[in-house]
PDB file of N, CA and C in Angstrom:
ATOM      1  N   MET A   1       0.825  -1.190   0.000  1.00  0.00           N
ATOM      2  CA  MET A   1       0.000   0.000   0.000  1.00  0.00           C
ATOM      3  C   MET A   1       0.870   1.255   0.000  1.00  0.00           C
ATOM      4  N   GLY A   2       2.022   1.177   0.661  1.00  0.00           N
ATOM      5  CA  GLY A   2       2.879   2.344   0.749  1.00  0.00           C
ATOM      6  C   GLY A   2       4.138   2.010   1.512  1.00  0.00           C
ATOM      7  N   THR A   3       4.902   3.021   1.858  1.00  0.00           N
ATOM      8  CA  THR A   3       6.170   2.787   2.534  1.00  0.00           C
ATOM      9  C   THR A   3       6.142   3.150   4.011  1.00  0.00           C
ATOM     10  N   GLY A   4       5.023   3.590   4.540  1.00  0.00           N
ATOM     11  CA  GLY A   4       4.945   3.932   5.955  1.00  0.00           C
ATOM     12  C   GLY A   4       5.044   2.704   6.837  1.00  0.00           C
ATOM     13  N   ASP A   5       5.380   2.896   8.110  1.00  0.00           N
ATOM     14  CA  ASP A   5       5.529   1.759   9.013  1.00  0.00           C
ATOM     15  C   ASP A   5       4.395   1.652  10.038  1.00  0.00           C
ATOM     16  N   ASP A   6       3.395   2.490   9.949  1.00  0.00           N
ATOM     17  CA  ASP A   6       2.248   2.421  10.845  1.00  0.00           C
ATOM     18  C   ASP A   6       1.217   1.465  10.256  1.00  0.00           C
ATOM     19  N   TYR A   7       0.242   1.053  11.055  1.00  0.00           N
ATOM     20  CA  TYR A   7      -0.801   0.160  10.558  1.00  0.00           C
ATOM     21  C   TYR A   7      -2.127   0.871  10.320  1.00  0.00           C
ATOM     22  N   ILE A   8      -2.245   2.130  10.757  1.00  0.00           N
ATOM     23  CA  ILE A   8      -3.488   2.864  10.530  1.00  0.00           C
ATOM     24  C   ILE A   8      -3.157   4.309  10.186  1.00  0.00           C
ATOM     25  N   TYR A   9      -3.792   4.787   9.121  1.00  0.00           N
ATOM     26  CA  TYR A   9      -3.575   6.161   8.646  1.00  0.00           C
ATOM     27  C   TYR A   9      -4.926   6.838   8.495  1.00  0.00           C
ATOM     28  N   TYR A  10      -4.936   8.147   8.718  1.00  0.00           N
ATOM     29  CA  TYR A  10      -6.151   8.952   8.616  1.00  0.00           C
ATOM     30  C   TYR A  10      -5.933  10.046   7.594  1.00  0.00           C
ATOM     31  N   GLY A  11      -6.945  10.292   6.783  1.00  0.00           N
ATOM     32  CA  GLY A  11      -6.874  11.376   5.821  1.00  0.00           C
ATOM     33  C   GLY A  11      -8.255  11.959   5.580  1.00  0.00           C
ATOM     34  N   LYS A  12      -8.278  13.190   5.079  1.00  0.00           N
ATOM     35  CA  LYS A  12      -9.560  13.814   4.766  1.00  0.00           C
ATOM     36  C   LYS A  12      -9.386  14.745   3.582  1.00  0.00           C
ATOM     37  N   ASN A  13     -10.479  14.997   2.920  1.00  0.00           N
ATOM     38  CA  ASN A  13     -10.472  15.917   1.785  1.00  0.00           C
ATOM     39  C   ASN A  13     -10.587  17.350   2.286  1.00  0.00           C
ATOM     40  N   GLU A  14      -9.754  18.196   1.766  1.00  0.00           N
ATOM     41  CA  GLU A  14      -9.843  19.630   2.006  1.00  0.00           C
ATOM     42  C   GLU A  14      -9.658  20.321   0.675  1.00  0.00           C
ATOM     43  N   PHE A  15     -10.413  21.359   0.452  1.00  0.00           N
ATOM     44  CA  PHE A  15     -10.292  22.119  -0.782  1.00  0.00           C
ATOM     45  C   PHE A  15      -9.821  23.525  -0.439  1.00  0.00           C
ATOM     46  N   LYS A  16      -8.728  23.932  -1.072  1.00  0.00           N
ATOM     47  CA  LYS A  16      -8.162  25.253  -0.835  1.00  0.00           C
ATOM     48  C   LYS A  16      -8.102  26.014  -2.145  1.00  0.00           C
ATOM     49  N   GLY A  17      -8.316  27.317  -2.034  1.00  0.00           N
ATOM     50  CA  GLY A  17      -8.268  28.170  -3.213  1.00  0.00           C
ATOM     51  C   GLY A  17      -6.872  28.196  -3.823  1.00  0.00           C
ATOM     52  N   ILE A  18      -6.798  28.130  -5.123  1.00  0.00           N
ATOM     53  CA  ILE A  18      -5.518  28.154  -5.828  1.00  0.00           C
ATOM     54  C   ILE A  18      -4.840  29.510  -5.672  1.00  0.00           C
ATOM     55  N   ASN A  19      -5.593  30.590  -5.749  1.00  0.00           N
ATOM     56  CA  ASN A  19      -5.010  31.920  -5.730  1.00  0.00           C
ATOM     57  C   ASN A  19      -4.741  32.460  -4.332  1.00  0.00           C
ATOM     58  N   ARG A  20      -5.655  32.232  -3.400  1.00  0.00           N
ATOM     59  CA  ARG A  20      -5.525  32.818  -2.064  1.00  0.00           C
ATOM     60  C   ARG A  20      -5.200  31.805  -0.981  1.00  0.00           C
ATOM     61  N   GLY A  21      -5.376  30.525  -1.259  1.00  0.00           N
ATOM     62  CA  GLY A  21      -5.042  29.488  -0.295  1.00  0.00           C
ATOM     63  C   GLY A  21      -6.037  29.299   0.829  1.00  0.00           C
ATOM     64  N   ASN A  22      -7.176  29.991   0.756  1.00  0.00           N
ATOM     65  CA  ASN A  22      -8.167  29.835   1.826  1.00  0.00           C
ATOM     66  C   ASN A  22      -8.959  28.548   1.633  1.00  0.00           C
ATOM     67  N   GLN A  23      -9.413  27.974   2.748  1.00  0.00           N
ATOM     68  CA  GLN A  23     -10.153  26.724   2.715  1.00  0.00           C
ATOM     69  C   GLN A  23     -11.617  26.969   2.342  1.00  0.00           C
ATOM     70  N   LEU A  24     -12.155  26.083   1.502  1.00  0.00           N
ATOM     71  CA  LEU A  24     -13.559  26.150   1.120  1.00  0.00           C
ATOM     72  C   LEU A  24     -14.423  25.693   2.286  1.00  0.00           C
ATOM     73  N   VAL A  25     -15.395  26.520   2.672  1.00  0.00           N
ATOM     74  CA  VAL A  25     -16.345  26.185   3.733  1.00  0.00           C
ATOM     75  C   VAL A  25     -17.717  26.060   3.085  1.00  0.00           C
ATOM     76  N   VAL A  26     -18.289  24.869   3.166  1.00  0.00           N
ATOM     77  CA  VAL A  26     -19.608  24.617   2.587  1.00  0.00           C
ATOM     78  C   VAL A  26     -20.656  24.910   3.645  1.00  0.00           C
ATOM     79  N   LYS A  27     -21.697  25.612   3.261  1.00  0.00           N
ATOM     80  CA  LYS A  27     -22.778  25.937   4.193  1.00  0.00           C
ATOM     81  C   LYS A  27     -24.094  25.449   3.627  1.00  0.00           C
ATOM     82  N   LYS A  28     -24.990  25.103   4.526  1.00  0.00           N
ATOM     83  CA  LYS A  28     -26.332  24.716   4.099  1.00  0.00           C
ATOM     84  C   LYS A  28     -27.341  25.659   4.720  1.00  0.00           C
ATOM     85  N   ARG A  29     -28.452  25.807   4.054  1.00  0.00           N
ATOM     86  CA  ARG A  29     -29.515  26.685   4.527  1.00  0.00           C
ATOM     87  C   ARG A  29     -30.475  25.877   5.384  1.00  0.00           C
ATOM     88  N   ILE A  30     -30.756  26.380   6.583  1.00  0.00           N
ATOM     89  CA  ILE A  30     -31.745  25.730   7.441  1.00  0.00           C
ATOM     90  C   ILE A  30     -32.854  26.718   7.753  1.00  0.00           C
ATOM     91  N   GLU A  31     -34.036  26.194   7.843  1.00  0.00           N
ATOM     92  CA  GLU A  31     -35.205  27.006   8.133  1.00  0.00           C
ATOM     93  C   GLU A  31     -35.283  27.311   9.630  1.00  0.00           C
ATOM     94  N   ILE A  32     -35.688  28.524   9.961  1.00  0.00           N
ATOM     95  CA  ILE A  32     -35.903  28.930  11.345  1.00  0.00           C
ATOM     96  C   ILE A  32     -37.405  28.936  11.580  1.00  0.00           C
ATOM     97  N   SER A  33     -37.830  28.232  12.606  1.00  0.00           N
ATOM     98  CA  SER A  33     -39.270  28.098  12.843  1.00  0.00           C
ATOM     99  C   SER A  33     -39.885  29.327  13.505  1.00  0.00           C
ATOM    100  N   GLU A  34     -39.048  30.248  13.951  1.00  0.00           N
ATOM    101  CA  GLU A  34     -39.565  31.452  14.579  1.00  0.00           C
ATOM    102  C   GLU A  34     -40.081  32.422  13.518  1.00  0.00           C
ATOM    103  N   ILE A  35     -40.849  33.392  13.928  1.00  0.00           N
ATOM    104  CA  ILE A  35     -41.450  34.353  13.000  1.00  0.00           C
ATOM    105  C   ILE A  35     -40.467  35.455  12.611  1.00  0.00           C
ATOM    106  N   LEU A  36     -39.374  35.584  13.327  1.00  0.00           N
ATOM    107  CA  LEU A  36     -38.409  36.644  13.055  1.00  0.00           C
ATOM    108  C   LEU A  36     -37.836  36.529  11.642  1.00  0.00           C
ATOM    109  N   GLU A  37     -37.461  37.651  11.065  1.00  0.00           N
ATOM    110  CA  GLU A  37     -36.809  37.666   9.750  1.00  0.00           C
ATOM    111  C   GLU A  37     -35.307  37.556   9.940  1.00  0.00           C
ATOM    112  N   PRO A  38     -34.539  36.943   9.117  1.00  0.00           N
ATOM    113  CA  PRO A  38     -34.956  36.115   7.996  1.00  0.00           C
ATOM    114  C   PRO A  38     -35.500  34.767   8.484  1.00  0.00           C
ATOM    115  N   LYS A  39     -36.138  34.043   7.624  1.00  0.00           N
ATOM    116  CA  LYS A  39     -36.755  32.778   7.990  1.00  0.00           C
ATOM    117  C   LYS A  39     -35.803  31.597   7.813  1.00  0.00           C
ATOM    118  N   TYR A  40     -34.571  31.878   7.492  1.00  0.00           N
ATOM    119  CA  TYR A  40     -33.562  30.828   7.356  1.00  0.00           C
ATOM    120  C   TYR A  40     -32.197  31.405   7.705  1.00  0.00           C
ATOM    121  N   LYS A  41     -31.244  30.518   7.939  1.00  0.00           N
ATOM    122  CA  LYS A  41     -29.860  30.927   8.165  1.00  0.00           C
ATOM    123  C   LYS A  41     -28.945  29.873   7.556  1.00  0.00           C
ATOM    124  N   PHE A  42     -27.689  30.218   7.396  1.00  0.00           N
ATOM    125  CA  PHE A  42     -26.713  29.304   6.820  1.00  0.00           C
ATOM    126  C   PHE A  42     -25.765  28.820   7.910  1.00  0.00           C
ATOM    127  N   VAL A  43     -25.543  27.516   7.965  1.00  0.00           N
ATOM    128  CA  VAL A  43     -24.627  26.919   8.930  1.00  0.00           C
ATOM    129  C   VAL A  43     -23.617  26.047   8.187  1.00  0.00           C
ATOM    130  N   GLU A  44     -22.437  25.926   8.781  1.00  0.00           N
ATOM    131  CA  GLU A  44     -21.385  25.117   8.167  1.00  0.00           C
ATOM    132  C   GLU A  44     -21.806  23.656   8.120  1.00  0.00           C
ATOM    133  N   LYS A  45     -21.500  23.008   7.007  1.00  0.00           N
ATOM    134  CA  LYS A  45     -21.830  21.601   6.825  1.00  0.00           C
ATOM    135  C   LYS A  45     -20.557  20.838   6.522  1.00  0.00           C
ATOM    136  N   LYS A  46     -20.332  19.751   7.258  1.00  0.00           N
ATOM    137  CA  LYS A  46     -19.184  18.881   7.006  1.00  0.00           C
ATOM    138  C   LYS A  46     -19.564  17.941   5.857  1.00  0.00           C
ATOM    139  N   LEU A  47     -19.083  18.255   4.676  1.00  0.00           N
ATOM    140  CA  LEU A  47     -19.503  17.554   3.477  1.00  0.00           C
ATOM    141  C   LEU A  47     -18.451  16.592   2.947  1.00  0.00           C
ATOM    142  N   PHE A  48     -17.190  16.868   3.218  1.00  0.00           N
ATOM    143  CA  PHE A  48     -16.127  16.131   2.564  1.00  0.00           C
ATOM    144  C   PHE A  48     -15.748  14.873   3.339  1.00  0.00           C
ATOM    145  N   SER A  49     -15.316  13.875   2.608  1.00  0.00           N
ATOM    146  CA  SER A  49     -15.036  12.550   3.154  1.00  0.00           C
ATOM    147  C   SER A  49     -13.804  12.519   4.053  1.00  0.00           C
ATOM    148  N   GLU A  50     -13.837  11.566   4.984  1.00  0.00           N
ATOM    149  CA  GLU A  50     -12.692  11.244   5.818  1.00  0.00           C
ATOM    150  C   GLU A  50     -12.406   9.757   5.607  1.00  0.00           C
ATOM    151  N   TYR A  51     -11.133   9.389   5.673  1.00  0.00           N
ATOM    152  CA  TYR A  51     -10.728   8.030   5.364  1.00  0.00           C
ATOM    153  C   TYR A  51      -9.790   7.472   6.423  1.00  0.00           C
ATOM    154  N   TYR A  52      -9.908   6.176   6.661  1.00  0.00           N
ATOM    155  CA  TYR A  52      -8.945   5.431   7.454  1.00  0.00           C
ATOM    156  C   TYR A  52      -8.408   4.317   6.565  1.00  0.00           C
ATOM    157  N   LEU A  53      -7.101   4.238   6.450  1.00  0.00           N
ATOM    158  CA  LEU A  53      -6.452   3.148   5.731  1.00  0.00           C
ATOM    159  C   LEU A  53      -5.789   2.261   6.768  1.00  0.00           C
ATOM    160  N   ILE A  54      -6.161   0.986   6.781  1.00  0.00           N
ATOM    161  CA  ILE A  54      -5.667   0.062   7.794  1.00  0.00           C
ATOM    162  C   ILE A  54      -4.925  -1.070   7.098  1.00  0.00           C
ATOM    163  N   THR A  55      -3.686  -1.287   7.495  1.00  0.00           N
ATOM    164  CA  THR A  55      -2.886  -2.396   6.984  1.00  0.00           C
ATOM    165  C   THR A  55      -2.848  -3.453   8.081  1.00  0.00           C
ATOM    166  N   ILE A  56      -3.714  -4.422   7.958  1.00  0.00           N
ATOM    167  CA  ILE A  56      -3.903  -5.447   8.979  1.00  0.00           C
ATOM    168  C   ILE A  56      -2.603  -6.208   9.266  1.00  0.00           C
ATOM    169  N   GLU A  57      -1.837  -6.491   8.233  1.00  0.00           N
ATOM    170  CA  GLU A  57      -0.614  -7.276   8.405  1.00  0.00           C
ATOM    171  C   GLU A  57       0.394  -6.590   9.327  1.00  0.00           C
ATOM    172  N   ARG A  58       0.392  -5.279   9.386  1.00  0.00           N
ATOM    173  CA  ARG A  58       1.341  -4.530  10.212  1.00  0.00           C
ATOM    174  C   ARG A  58       0.910  -4.432  11.683  1.00  0.00           C
ATOM    175  N   PHE A  59      -0.341  -4.770  11.975  1.00  0.00           N
ATOM    176  CA  PHE A  59      -0.844  -4.704  13.350  1.00  0.00           C
ATOM    177  C   PHE A  59      -0.214  -5.830  14.162  1.00  0.00           C
ATOM    178  N   LYS A  60       0.395  -5.500  15.290  1.00  0.00           N
ATOM    179  CA  LYS A  60       1.166  -6.460  16.096  1.00  0.00           C
ATOM    180  C   LYS A  60       0.339  -7.168  17.165  1.00  0.00           C
ATOM    181  N   ASN A  61      -0.986  -7.108  17.090  1.00  0.00           N
ATOM    182  CA  ASN A  61      -1.890  -7.745  18.052  1.00  0.00           C
ATOM    183  C   ASN A  61      -1.731  -7.184  19.467  1.00  0.00           C
ATOM    184  N   VAL A  62      -1.323  -5.934  19.588  1.00  0.00           N
ATOM    185  CA  VAL A  62      -1.220  -5.263  20.872  1.00  0.00           C
ATOM    186  C   VAL A  62      -2.298  -4.185  20.911  1.00  0.00           C
ATOM    187  N   VAL A  63      -3.271  -4.346  21.790  1.00  0.00           N
ATOM    188  CA  VAL A  63      -4.388  -3.419  21.890  1.00  0.00           C
ATOM    189  C   VAL A  63      -4.000  -2.295  22.845  1.00  0.00           C
ATOM    190  N   GLN A  64      -3.857  -1.076  22.297  1.00  0.00           N
ATOM    191  CA  GLN A  64      -3.513   0.089  23.099  1.00  0.00           C
ATOM    192  C   GLN A  64      -4.594   1.164  23.054  1.00  0.00           C
ATOM    193  N   LYS A  65      -5.369   1.172  21.974  1.00  0.00           N
ATOM    194  CA  LYS A  65      -6.429   2.174  21.793  1.00  0.00           C
ATOM    195  C   LYS A  65      -7.731   1.449  21.496  1.00  0.00           C
ATOM    196  N   ARG A  66      -8.832   2.174  21.603  1.00  0.00           N
ATOM    197  CA  ARG A  66     -10.147   1.563  21.343  1.00  0.00           C
ATOM    198  C   ARG A  66     -10.243   1.002  19.938  1.00  0.00           C
ATOM    199  N   ILE A  67      -9.662   1.706  18.967  1.00  0.00           N
ATOM    200  CA  ILE A  67      -9.760   1.210  17.589  1.00  0.00           C
ATOM    201  C   ILE A  67      -8.967  -0.076  17.408  1.00  0.00           C
ATOM    202  N   ASP A  68      -7.944  -0.284  18.242  1.00  0.00           N
ATOM    203  CA  ASP A  68      -7.154  -1.516  18.157  1.00  0.00           C
ATOM    204  C   ASP A  68      -7.999  -2.748  18.462  1.00  0.00           C
ATOM    205  N   ASP A  69      -9.028  -2.607  19.322  1.00  0.00           N
ATOM    206  CA  ASP A  69      -9.954  -3.715  19.575  1.00  0.00           C
ATOM    207  C   ASP A  69     -10.582  -4.206  18.275  1.00  0.00           C
ATOM    208  N   ARG A  70     -11.025  -3.271  17.490  1.00  0.00           N
ATOM    209  CA  ARG A  70     -11.697  -3.618  16.233  1.00  0.00           C
ATOM    210  C   ARG A  70     -10.715  -4.199  15.220  1.00  0.00           C
ATOM    211  N   ILE A  71      -9.515  -3.625  15.152  1.00  0.00           N
ATOM    212  CA  ILE A  71      -8.507  -4.139  14.227  1.00  0.00           C
ATOM    213  C   ILE A  71      -8.103  -5.556  14.625  1.00  0.00           C
ATOM    214  N   TYR A  72      -7.980  -5.799  15.923  1.00  0.00           N
ATOM    215  CA  TYR A  72      -7.670  -7.142  16.413  1.00  0.00           C
ATOM    216  C   TYR A  72      -8.743  -8.133  15.958  1.00  0.00           C
ATOM    217  N   MET A  73     -10.019  -7.742  16.099  1.00  0.00           N
ATOM    218  CA  MET A  73     -11.114  -8.626  15.694  1.00  0.00           C
ATOM    219  C   MET A  73     -11.072  -8.928  14.198  1.00  0.00           C
ATOM    220  N   ILE A  74     -10.772  -7.911  13.385  1.00  0.00           N
ATOM    221  CA  ILE A  74     -10.705  -8.110  11.937  1.00  0.00           C
ATOM    222  C   ILE A  74      -9.562  -9.067  11.595  1.00  0.00           C
ATOM    223  N   LYS A  75      -8.410  -8.858  12.200  1.00  0.00           N
ATOM    224  CA  LYS A  75      -7.229  -9.662  11.877  1.00  0.00           C
ATOM    225  C   LYS A  75      -7.347 -11.105  12.373  1.00  0.00           C
ATOM    226  N   ASN A  76      -7.874 -11.301  13.592  1.00  0.00           N
ATOM    227  CA  ASN A  76      -7.843 -12.598  14.229  1.00  0.00           C
ATOM    228  C   ASN A  76      -9.185 -13.327  14.269  1.00  0.00           C
ATOM    229  N   ASN A  77     -10.235 -12.660  13.830  1.00  0.00           N
ATOM    230  CA  ASN A  77     -11.571 -13.233  13.819  1.00  0.00           C
ATOM    231  C   ASN A  77     -12.006 -13.683  15.221  1.00  0.00           C
ATOM    232  N   GLU A  78     -11.572 -12.937  16.228  1.00  0.00           N
ATOM    233  CA  GLU A  78     -11.986 -13.190  17.601  1.00  0.00           C
ATOM    234  C   GLU A  78     -11.812 -11.903  18.403  1.00  0.00           C
ATOM    235  N   VAL A  79     -12.423 -11.876  19.582  1.00  0.00           N
ATOM    236  CA  VAL A  79     -12.339 -10.720  20.455  1.00  0.00           C
ATOM    237  C   VAL A  79     -11.111 -10.870  21.350  1.00  0.00           C
ATOM    238  N   ALA A  80     -10.337  -9.804  21.488  1.00  0.00           N
ATOM    239  CA  ALA A  80      -9.138  -9.829  22.331  1.00  0.00           C
ATOM    240  C   ALA A  80      -9.532  -9.959  23.794  1.00  0.00           C
ATOM    241  N   GLU A  81      -8.700 -10.634  24.577  1.00  0.00           N
ATOM    242  CA  GLU A  81      -8.945 -10.744  25.999  1.00  0.00           C
ATOM    243  C   GLU A  81      -8.937  -9.361  26.647  1.00  0.00           C
ATOM    244  N   GLY A  82      -9.941  -9.054  27.445  1.00  0.00           N
ATOM    245  CA  GLY A  82     -10.041  -7.751  28.096  1.00  0.00           C
ATOM    246  C   GLY A  82     -10.595  -6.667  27.189  1.00  0.00           C
ATOM    247  N   SER A  83     -11.137  -7.025  26.046  1.00  0.00           N
ATOM    248  CA  SER A  83     -11.662  -6.059  25.083  1.00  0.00           C
ATOM    249  C   SER A  83     -12.853  -5.307  25.660  1.00  0.00           C
ATOM    250  N   THR A  84     -12.974  -4.046  25.309  1.00  0.00           N
ATOM    251  CA  THR A  84     -14.114  -3.238  25.730  1.00  0.00           C
ATOM    252  C   THR A  84     -15.144  -3.077  24.611  1.00  0.00           C
ATOM    253  N   SER A  85     -14.861  -3.646  23.457  1.00  0.00           N
ATOM    254  CA  SER A  85     -15.777  -3.529  22.307  1.00  0.00           C
ATOM    255  C   SER A  85     -16.926  -4.506  22.437  1.00  0.00           C
TER     256      SER A  85
END
């Protein structure tokens, strides 16, 4: 998959302007049920994907974090002793 030595990687999509370098913020319009004007407002919406890449073979069967419980189960097809999952 790559040359890194970790077993789990995190990534996310971010869009930045080519000319100014500012990050694109997507907003959605929501209706306000109150009678006050305006009858809607715009709020930030998390639209872009986030990814986890897991290389099972590199996992050493040592559970140190909550996500390691799940990786252990995927790799070994059983629940680790003392698992909280």
